[in-house]
Amino acid sequence: MSCSNPPQTRFVSSLLFLLLAAVAPLVAQQPATDEATVGVLAALLAASDARRFDGAPLREALSHPNPGVRRQGVLAAGRIGDGAAVDLLIPVLHDSVSAVQAAAAFALGLLKDPRAIPALLETVRAAASVRDRADTGRGRTSAREIDPHNLEIFNALAGALESGGMVKEAERQFMAAAHLNPTLPEAWSALLDFYGRHAELTSEARRACAHLEGLKIDPQLYKTKCNSLLKVGS
């Protein structure tokens, strides 16, 4: 009697197909995906699904010439949630592809490991320098206009600082991300979520909510959170 499991095989094959589809947009000008690349993605899928840190496939993915594979590697590391991945992810903040850099920042944000703070801070400073140069001579520009991935970098740094007990420093980074992206709802959402975790910062939360009322964005995007925050602080 056969011991194969067709339904499970079809399920794993479908997930692998989705991974390959996710890689495709970043590799339009890359050579066709070969068997070795499929093997790397399959190993990432297995480790991510089991929430098991496996350094070998992660290292292979993070050094892969295909940026889509590198991006999937850092996202898998974030999903696995093991702090052992921090040292592997930090160098990827300097990847040649901005989408891969952003994925590394996002993954480090999920890990919330204070060891990543110096590297994330350096990345934030570099992003600020680019923004300042762009501001010169052509008016104020949001961080999202320059690089749509800057928000993830700021929020990853803030999350690491918060995890390390540096609450005021974390607040400054969440606030910086919000003010650099003043019309971006998710930037303010991250700040309000932060205030929701720190009831001692009610007055700061009140000021943030008052500022949001002056912005031309849908109030439904923040009203519920603000009402909840101010109710708790009253």
C-alpha atoms as a PDB file:
ATOM      1  CA  MET A   1       0.000   0.000   0.000  1.00  0.00           C
ATOM      2  CA  SER A   2       1.344   3.400  -0.907  1.00  0.00           C
ATOM      3  CA  CYS A   3       2.299   5.712   1.973  1.00  0.00           C
ATOM      4  CA  SER A   4       2.067   8.860  -0.124  1.00  0.00           C
ATOM      5  CA  ASN A   5      -0.130  11.741   0.952  1.00  0.00           C
ATOM      6  CA  PRO A   6      -1.551  13.409  -2.193  1.00  0.00           C
ATOM      7  CA  PRO A   7      -3.579  16.153  -0.405  1.00  0.00           C
ATOM      8  CA  GLN A   8      -0.566  17.264   1.653  1.00  0.00           C
ATOM      9  CA  THR A   9       1.666  17.140  -1.420  1.00  0.00           C
ATOM     10  CA  ARG A  10      -0.774  19.299  -3.356  1.00  0.00           C
ATOM     11  CA  PHE A  11      -0.930  21.757  -0.432  1.00  0.00           C
ATOM     12  CA  VAL A  12       2.869  22.122  -0.219  1.00  0.00           C
ATOM     13  CA  SER A  13       3.094  22.458  -4.000  1.00  0.00           C
ATOM     14  CA  SER A  14       0.497  25.224  -3.926  1.00  0.00           C
ATOM     15  CA  LEU A  15       2.423  27.119  -1.234  1.00  0.00           C
ATOM     16  CA  LEU A  16       5.630  26.784  -3.218  1.00  0.00           C
ATOM     17  CA  PHE A  17       3.822  28.110  -6.285  1.00  0.00           C
ATOM     18  CA  LEU A  18       2.724  31.148  -4.253  1.00  0.00           C
ATOM     19  CA  LEU A  19       6.317  31.732  -3.141  1.00  0.00           C
ATOM     20  CA  LEU A  20       7.493  31.622  -6.743  1.00  0.00           C
ATOM     21  CA  ALA A  21       4.721  34.059  -7.707  1.00  0.00           C
ATOM     22  CA  ALA A  22       5.843  36.420  -4.951  1.00  0.00           C
ATOM     23  CA  VAL A  23       9.423  36.293  -6.223  1.00  0.00           C
ATOM     24  CA  ALA A  24       8.472  36.995  -9.835  1.00  0.00           C
ATOM     25  CA  PRO A  25       7.971  40.809  -9.687  1.00  0.00           C
ATOM     26  CA  LEU A  26      11.508  41.355  -8.424  1.00  0.00           C
ATOM     27  CA  VAL A  27      13.133  39.121 -10.993  1.00  0.00           C
ATOM     28  CA  ALA A  28      11.600  40.168 -14.286  1.00  0.00           C
ATOM     29  CA  GLN A  29      15.070  40.741 -15.729  1.00  0.00           C
ATOM     30  CA  GLN A  30      16.680  37.764 -14.011  1.00  0.00           C
ATOM     31  CA  PRO A  31      17.294  34.326 -15.574  1.00  0.00           C
ATOM     32  CA  ALA A  32      14.422  31.862 -15.350  1.00  0.00           C
ATOM     33  CA  THR A  33      13.970  30.234 -11.943  1.00  0.00           C
ATOM     34  CA  ASP A  34      15.994  26.995 -11.914  1.00  0.00           C
ATOM     35  CA  GLU A  35      15.719  23.832  -9.861  1.00  0.00           C
ATOM     36  CA  ALA A  36      18.312  25.021  -7.345  1.00  0.00           C
ATOM     37  CA  THR A  37      16.300  28.174  -6.661  1.00  0.00           C
ATOM     38  CA  VAL A  38      13.126  26.133  -6.247  1.00  0.00           C
ATOM     39  CA  GLY A  39      15.015  23.988  -3.740  1.00  0.00           C
ATOM     40  CA  VAL A  40      16.074  27.050  -1.727  1.00  0.00           C
ATOM     41  CA  LEU A  41      12.496  28.346  -1.668  1.00  0.00           C
ATOM     42  CA  ALA A  42      11.181  24.931  -0.623  1.00  0.00           C
ATOM     43  CA  ALA A  43      13.653  24.799   2.281  1.00  0.00           C
ATOM     44  CA  LEU A  44      12.596  28.313   3.345  1.00  0.00           C
ATOM     45  CA  LEU A  45       8.954  27.301   3.211  1.00  0.00           C
ATOM     46  CA  ALA A  46       9.578  24.227   5.362  1.00  0.00           C
ATOM     47  CA  ALA A  47      11.543  26.171   7.996  1.00  0.00           C
ATOM     48  CA  SER A  48       9.035  29.031   8.064  1.00  0.00           C
ATOM     49  CA  ASP A  49       6.055  26.701   8.303  1.00  0.00           C
ATOM     50  CA  ALA A  50       7.663  24.835  11.229  1.00  0.00           C
ATOM     51  CA  ARG A  51       8.832  28.116  12.856  1.00  0.00           C
ATOM     52  CA  ARG A  52      12.254  26.475  12.999  1.00  0.00           C
ATOM     53  CA  PHE A  53      15.473  28.447  12.624  1.00  0.00           C
ATOM     54  CA  ASP A  54      17.670  26.737  10.043  1.00  0.00           C
ATOM     55  CA  GLY A  55      20.769  28.746   9.275  1.00  0.00           C
ATOM     56  CA  ALA A  56      21.828  26.868   6.135  1.00  0.00           C
ATOM     57  CA  PRO A  57      18.857  27.653   3.841  1.00  0.00           C
ATOM     58  CA  LEU A  58      18.558  31.166   5.282  1.00  0.00           C
ATOM     59  CA  ARG A  59      22.218  31.943   4.530  1.00  0.00           C
ATOM     60  CA  GLU A  60      21.818  30.495   1.045  1.00  0.00           C
ATOM     61  CA  ALA A  61      18.711  32.578   0.403  1.00  0.00           C
ATOM     62  CA  LEU A  62      20.204  35.798   1.773  1.00  0.00           C
ATOM     63  CA  SER A  63      23.272  35.482  -0.467  1.00  0.00           C
ATOM     64  CA  HIS A  64      21.304  34.404  -3.548  1.00  0.00           C
ATOM     65  CA  PRO A  65      21.844  36.474  -6.734  1.00  0.00           C
ATOM     66  CA  ASN A  66      18.072  36.661  -7.213  1.00  0.00           C
ATOM     67  CA  PRO A  67      16.654  39.601  -5.162  1.00  0.00           C
ATOM     68  CA  GLY A  68      13.273  37.925  -4.929  1.00  0.00           C
ATOM     69  CA  VAL A  69      14.849  34.948  -3.175  1.00  0.00           C
ATOM     70  CA  ARG A  70      16.763  37.257  -0.825  1.00  0.00           C
ATOM     71  CA  ARG A  71      13.517  39.024   0.054  1.00  0.00           C
ATOM     72  CA  GLN A  72      11.745  35.747   0.759  1.00  0.00           C
ATOM     73  CA  GLY A  73      14.707  34.728   2.914  1.00  0.00           C
ATOM     74  CA  VAL A  74      14.479  37.761   5.184  1.00  0.00           C
ATOM     75  CA  LEU A  75      10.686  37.503   5.435  1.00  0.00           C
ATOM     76  CA  ALA A  76      11.005  33.845   6.408  1.00  0.00           C
ATOM     77  CA  ALA A  77      13.525  34.801   9.101  1.00  0.00           C
ATOM     78  CA  GLY A  78      11.052  37.308  10.508  1.00  0.00           C
ATOM     79  CA  ARG A  79       8.196  34.821  10.507  1.00  0.00           C
ATOM     80  CA  ILE A  80      10.291  32.184  12.249  1.00  0.00           C
ATOM     81  CA  GLY A  81      10.883  34.675  15.042  1.00  0.00           C
ATOM     82  CA  ASP A  82      14.222  33.374  16.311  1.00  0.00           C
ATOM     83  CA  GLY A  83      16.729  35.995  17.477  1.00  0.00           C
ATOM     84  CA  ALA A  84      19.505  33.898  15.965  1.00  0.00           C
ATOM     85  CA  ALA A  85      18.562  35.479  12.627  1.00  0.00           C
ATOM     86  CA  VAL A  86      19.527  39.008  13.718  1.00  0.00           C
ATOM     87  CA  ASP A  87      23.173  38.699  12.705  1.00  0.00           C
ATOM     88  CA  LEU A  88      22.111  37.321   9.307  1.00  0.00           C
ATOM     89  CA  LEU A  89      19.596  40.099   8.682  1.00  0.00           C
ATOM     90  CA  ILE A  90      21.647  43.149   9.637  1.00  0.00           C
ATOM     91  CA  PRO A  91      23.929  43.038   6.542  1.00  0.00           C
ATOM     92  CA  VAL A  92      20.840  42.824   4.312  1.00  0.00           C
ATOM     93  CA  LEU A  93      19.896  46.357   5.387  1.00  0.00           C
ATOM     94  CA  HIS A  94      22.571  47.370   2.853  1.00  0.00           C
ATOM     95  CA  ASP A  95      21.241  45.196   0.019  1.00  0.00           C
ATOM     96  CA  SER A  96      21.445  46.749  -3.448  1.00  0.00           C
ATOM     97  CA  VAL A  97      17.651  46.445  -3.868  1.00  0.00           C
ATOM     98  CA  SER A  98      15.506  48.744  -1.718  1.00  0.00           C
ATOM     99  CA  ALA A  99      12.645  46.239  -1.474  1.00  0.00           C
ATOM    100  CA  VAL A 100      15.052  43.703   0.036  1.00  0.00           C
ATOM    101  CA  GLN A 101      16.380  46.328   2.471  1.00  0.00           C
ATOM    102  CA  ALA A 102      12.811  47.084   3.544  1.00  0.00           C
ATOM    103  CA  ALA A 103      12.037  43.398   4.019  1.00  0.00           C
ATOM    104  CA  ALA A 104      15.115  43.098   6.256  1.00  0.00           C
ATOM    105  CA  ALA A 105      13.953  46.067   8.339  1.00  0.00           C
ATOM    106  CA  PHE A 106      10.466  44.589   8.562  1.00  0.00           C
ATOM    107  CA  ALA A 107      11.878  41.223   9.689  1.00  0.00           C
ATOM    108  CA  LEU A 108      14.072  42.893  12.310  1.00  0.00           C
ATOM    109  CA  GLY A 109      10.999  44.782  13.458  1.00  0.00           C
ATOM    110  CA  LEU A 110       9.208  41.479  13.994  1.00  0.00           C
ATOM    111  CA  LEU A 111      12.150  40.159  16.009  1.00  0.00           C
ATOM    112  CA  LYS A 112      12.331  43.330  18.151  1.00  0.00           C
ATOM    113  CA  ASP A 113      15.892  42.537  19.189  1.00  0.00           C
ATOM    114  CA  PRO A 114      17.886  45.438  20.700  1.00  0.00           C
ATOM    115  CA  ARG A 115      21.046  44.111  19.053  1.00  0.00           C
ATOM    116  CA  ALA A 116      19.741  45.487  15.762  1.00  0.00           C
ATOM    117  CA  ILE A 117      19.479  49.057  17.082  1.00  0.00           C
ATOM    118  CA  PRO A 118      22.912  50.359  15.916  1.00  0.00           C
ATOM    119  CA  ALA A 119      22.442  49.042  12.366  1.00  0.00           C
ATOM    120  CA  LEU A 120      18.859  50.284  12.129  1.00  0.00           C
ATOM    121  CA  LEU A 121      19.879  53.679  13.499  1.00  0.00           C
ATOM    122  CA  GLU A 122      22.595  53.940  10.853  1.00  0.00           C
ATOM    123  CA  THR A 123      20.031  53.063   8.169  1.00  0.00           C
ATOM    124  CA  VAL A 124      17.587  55.670   9.476  1.00  0.00           C
ATOM    125  CA  ARG A 125      20.306  58.336   9.445  1.00  0.00           C
ATOM    126  CA  ALA A 126      21.201  57.435   5.870  1.00  0.00           C
ATOM    127  CA  ALA A 127      17.538  57.719   4.851  1.00  0.00           C
ATOM    128  CA  ALA A 128      17.302  61.107   6.564  1.00  0.00           C
ATOM    129  CA  SER A 129      20.386  62.287   4.693  1.00  0.00           C
ATOM    130  CA  VAL A 130      18.816  61.315   1.367  1.00  0.00           C
ATOM    131  CA  ARG A 131      15.620  63.122   2.326  1.00  0.00           C
ATOM    132  CA  ASP A 132      17.507  66.279   3.317  1.00  0.00           C
ATOM    133  CA  ARG A 133      19.362  66.342   0.000  1.00  0.00           C
ATOM    134  CA  ALA A 134      16.083  65.909  -1.865  1.00  0.00           C
ATOM    135  CA  ASP A 135      14.517  68.748   0.125  1.00  0.00           C
ATOM    136  CA  THR A 136      17.192  71.182  -1.009  1.00  0.00           C
ATOM    137  CA  GLY A 137      15.976  73.340  -3.854  1.00  0.00           C
ATOM    138  CA  ARG A 138      12.664  71.629  -4.520  1.00  0.00           C
ATOM    139  CA  GLY A 139      10.490  71.917  -1.448  1.00  0.00           C
ATOM    140  CA  ARG A 140       9.578  69.563   1.344  1.00  0.00           C
ATOM    141  CA  THR A 141       9.395  65.896   0.378  1.00  0.00           C
ATOM    142  CA  SER A 142       8.012  63.023   2.435  1.00  0.00           C
ATOM    143  CA  ALA A 143      10.138  59.987   3.193  1.00  0.00           C
ATOM    144  CA  ARG A 144       7.597  57.847   1.369  1.00  0.00           C
ATOM    145  CA  GLU A 145       8.052  59.868  -1.842  1.00  0.00           C
ATOM    146  CA  ILE A 146      11.822  59.307  -1.801  1.00  0.00           C
ATOM    147  CA  ASP A 147      11.670  55.644  -0.841  1.00  0.00           C
ATOM    148  CA  PRO A 148       8.386  53.878  -0.080  1.00  0.00           C
ATOM    149  CA  HIS A 149      10.222  51.533   2.282  1.00  0.00           C
ATOM    150  CA  ASN A 150      11.531  54.114   4.764  1.00  0.00           C
ATOM    151  CA  LEU A 151       8.534  53.675   7.044  1.00  0.00           C
ATOM    152  CA  GLU A 152       9.440  50.041   7.722  1.00  0.00           C
ATOM    153  CA  ILE A 153      12.983  51.049   8.673  1.00  0.00           C
ATOM    154  CA  PHE A 154      11.854  53.730  11.143  1.00  0.00           C
ATOM    155  CA  ASN A 155       9.251  51.448  12.710  1.00  0.00           C
ATOM    156  CA  ALA A 156      11.712  48.548  12.968  1.00  0.00           C
ATOM    157  CA  LEU A 157      14.122  50.774  14.891  1.00  0.00           C
ATOM    158  CA  ALA A 158      11.306  51.999  17.125  1.00  0.00           C
ATOM    159  CA  GLY A 159      10.211  48.433  17.849  1.00  0.00           C
ATOM    160  CA  ALA A 160      13.742  47.374  18.768  1.00  0.00           C
ATOM    161  CA  LEU A 161      14.135  50.381  21.062  1.00  0.00           C
ATOM    162  CA  GLU A 162      10.809  49.679  22.731  1.00  0.00           C
ATOM    163  CA  SER A 163      11.727  46.041  23.258  1.00  0.00           C
ATOM    164  CA  GLY A 164      14.979  47.165  24.864  1.00  0.00           C
ATOM    165  CA  GLY A 165      13.069  49.295  27.377  1.00  0.00           C
ATOM    166  CA  MET A 166      13.974  52.618  25.721  1.00  0.00           C
ATOM    167  CA  VAL A 167      10.381  53.857  25.544  1.00  0.00           C
ATOM    168  CA  LYS A 168      11.019  57.579  24.988  1.00  0.00           C
ATOM    169  CA  GLU A 169      13.574  56.845  22.271  1.00  0.00           C
ATOM    170  CA  ALA A 170      11.072  54.497  20.627  1.00  0.00           C
ATOM    171  CA  GLU A 171       8.398  57.180  20.789  1.00  0.00           C
ATOM    172  CA  ARG A 172      10.713  59.611  18.990  1.00  0.00           C
ATOM    173  CA  GLN A 173      11.232  57.149  16.152  1.00  0.00           C
ATOM    174  CA  PHE A 174       7.525  56.337  15.787  1.00  0.00           C
ATOM    175  CA  MET A 175       6.830  60.087  15.852  1.00  0.00           C
ATOM    176  CA  ALA A 176       9.566  60.764  13.272  1.00  0.00           C
ATOM    177  CA  ALA A 177       8.064  58.152  10.943  1.00  0.00           C
ATOM    178  CA  ALA A 178       4.628  59.740  11.312  1.00  0.00           C
ATOM    179  CA  HIS A 179       5.844  63.283  10.653  1.00  0.00           C
ATOM    180  CA  LEU A 180       7.996  62.222   7.719  1.00  0.00           C
ATOM    181  CA  ASN A 181       4.904  60.584   6.201  1.00  0.00           C
ATOM    182  CA  PRO A 182       2.209  63.002   7.448  1.00  0.00           C
ATOM    183  CA  THR A 183      -0.594  61.837   5.152  1.00  0.00           C
ATOM    184  CA  LEU A 184       0.175  58.138   5.430  1.00  0.00           C
ATOM    185  CA  PRO A 185      -2.382  56.445   7.715  1.00  0.00           C
ATOM    186  CA  GLU A 186      -0.186  53.450   8.567  1.00  0.00           C
ATOM    187  CA  ALA A 187       2.521  55.739   9.927  1.00  0.00           C
ATOM    188  CA  TRP A 188       0.109  57.242  12.440  1.00  0.00           C
ATOM    189  CA  SER A 189      -1.434  53.843  13.125  1.00  0.00           C
ATOM    190  CA  ALA A 190       1.926  52.499  14.336  1.00  0.00           C
ATOM    191  CA  LEU A 191       2.340  55.532  16.617  1.00  0.00           C
ATOM    192  CA  LEU A 192      -1.151  55.148  18.075  1.00  0.00           C
ATOM    193  CA  ASP A 193      -0.592  51.427  18.626  1.00  0.00           C
ATOM    194  CA  PHE A 194       2.561  52.357  20.534  1.00  0.00           C
ATOM    195  CA  TYR A 195       0.609  54.747  22.756  1.00  0.00           C
ATOM    196  CA  GLY A 196      -1.925  51.989  23.330  1.00  0.00           C
ATOM    197  CA  ARG A 197       0.858  49.911  24.894  1.00  0.00           C
ATOM    198  CA  HIS A 198       1.976  52.778  27.151  1.00  0.00           C
ATOM    199  CA  ALA A 199      -0.861  54.263  29.163  1.00  0.00           C
ATOM    200  CA  GLU A 200       1.610  56.582  30.911  1.00  0.00           C
ATOM    201  CA  LEU A 201       1.938  58.590  27.682  1.00  0.00           C
ATOM    202  CA  THR A 202      -1.688  59.762  27.553  1.00  0.00           C
ATOM    203  CA  SER A 203      -0.856  63.451  27.069  1.00  0.00           C
ATOM    204  CA  GLU A 204       1.407  62.635  24.105  1.00  0.00           C
ATOM    205  CA  ALA A 205      -1.320  60.442  22.626  1.00  0.00           C
ATOM    206  CA  ARG A 206      -3.796  63.305  23.011  1.00  0.00           C
ATOM    207  CA  ARG A 207      -1.489  65.642  21.070  1.00  0.00           C
ATOM    208  CA  ALA A 208      -1.017  63.076  18.295  1.00  0.00           C
ATOM    209  CA  CYS A 209      -4.790  62.636  17.954  1.00  0.00           C
ATOM    210  CA  ALA A 210      -5.292  66.414  17.862  1.00  0.00           C
ATOM    211  CA  HIS A 211      -2.693  66.655  15.098  1.00  0.00           C
ATOM    212  CA  LEU A 212      -4.451  63.951  13.105  1.00  0.00           C
ATOM    213  CA  GLU A 213      -7.679  65.938  13.157  1.00  0.00           C
ATOM    214  CA  GLY A 214      -5.924  68.676  11.203  1.00  0.00           C
ATOM    215  CA  LEU A 215      -4.808  66.353   8.415  1.00  0.00           C
ATOM    216  CA  LYS A 216      -6.825  65.734   5.286  1.00  0.00           C
ATOM    217  CA  ILE A 217      -7.213  61.988   5.751  1.00  0.00           C
ATOM    218  CA  ASP A 218     -10.246  59.839   6.429  1.00  0.00           C
ATOM    219  CA  PRO A 219     -11.021  60.167  10.160  1.00  0.00           C
ATOM    220  CA  GLN A 220     -12.268  56.595  10.199  1.00  0.00           C
ATOM    221  CA  LEU A 221      -8.642  55.547   9.830  1.00  0.00           C
ATOM    222  CA  TYR A 222      -7.718  56.842  13.280  1.00  0.00           C
ATOM    223  CA  LYS A 223     -10.865  57.872  15.181  1.00  0.00           C
ATOM    224  CA  THR A 224     -11.494  54.459  16.746  1.00  0.00           C
ATOM    225  CA  LYS A 225      -7.956  54.198  18.093  1.00  0.00           C
ATOM    226  CA  CYS A 226      -7.920  57.786  19.318  1.00  0.00           C
ATOM    227  CA  ASN A 227     -11.258  57.412  21.061  1.00  0.00           C
ATOM    228  CA  SER A 228     -10.009  54.267  22.767  1.00  0.00           C
ATOM    229  CA  LEU A 229      -6.752  55.924  23.859  1.00  0.00           C
ATOM    230  CA  LEU A 230      -8.420  59.036  25.224  1.00  0.00           C
ATOM    231  CA  LYS A 231     -11.080  57.000  27.015  1.00  0.00           C
ATOM    232  CA  VAL A 232      -8.400  54.977  28.798  1.00  0.00           C
ATOM    233  CA  GLY A 233      -6.522  58.165  29.717  1.00  0.00           C
ATOM    234  CA  SER A 234      -9.553  60.055  31.011  1.00  0.00           C
END
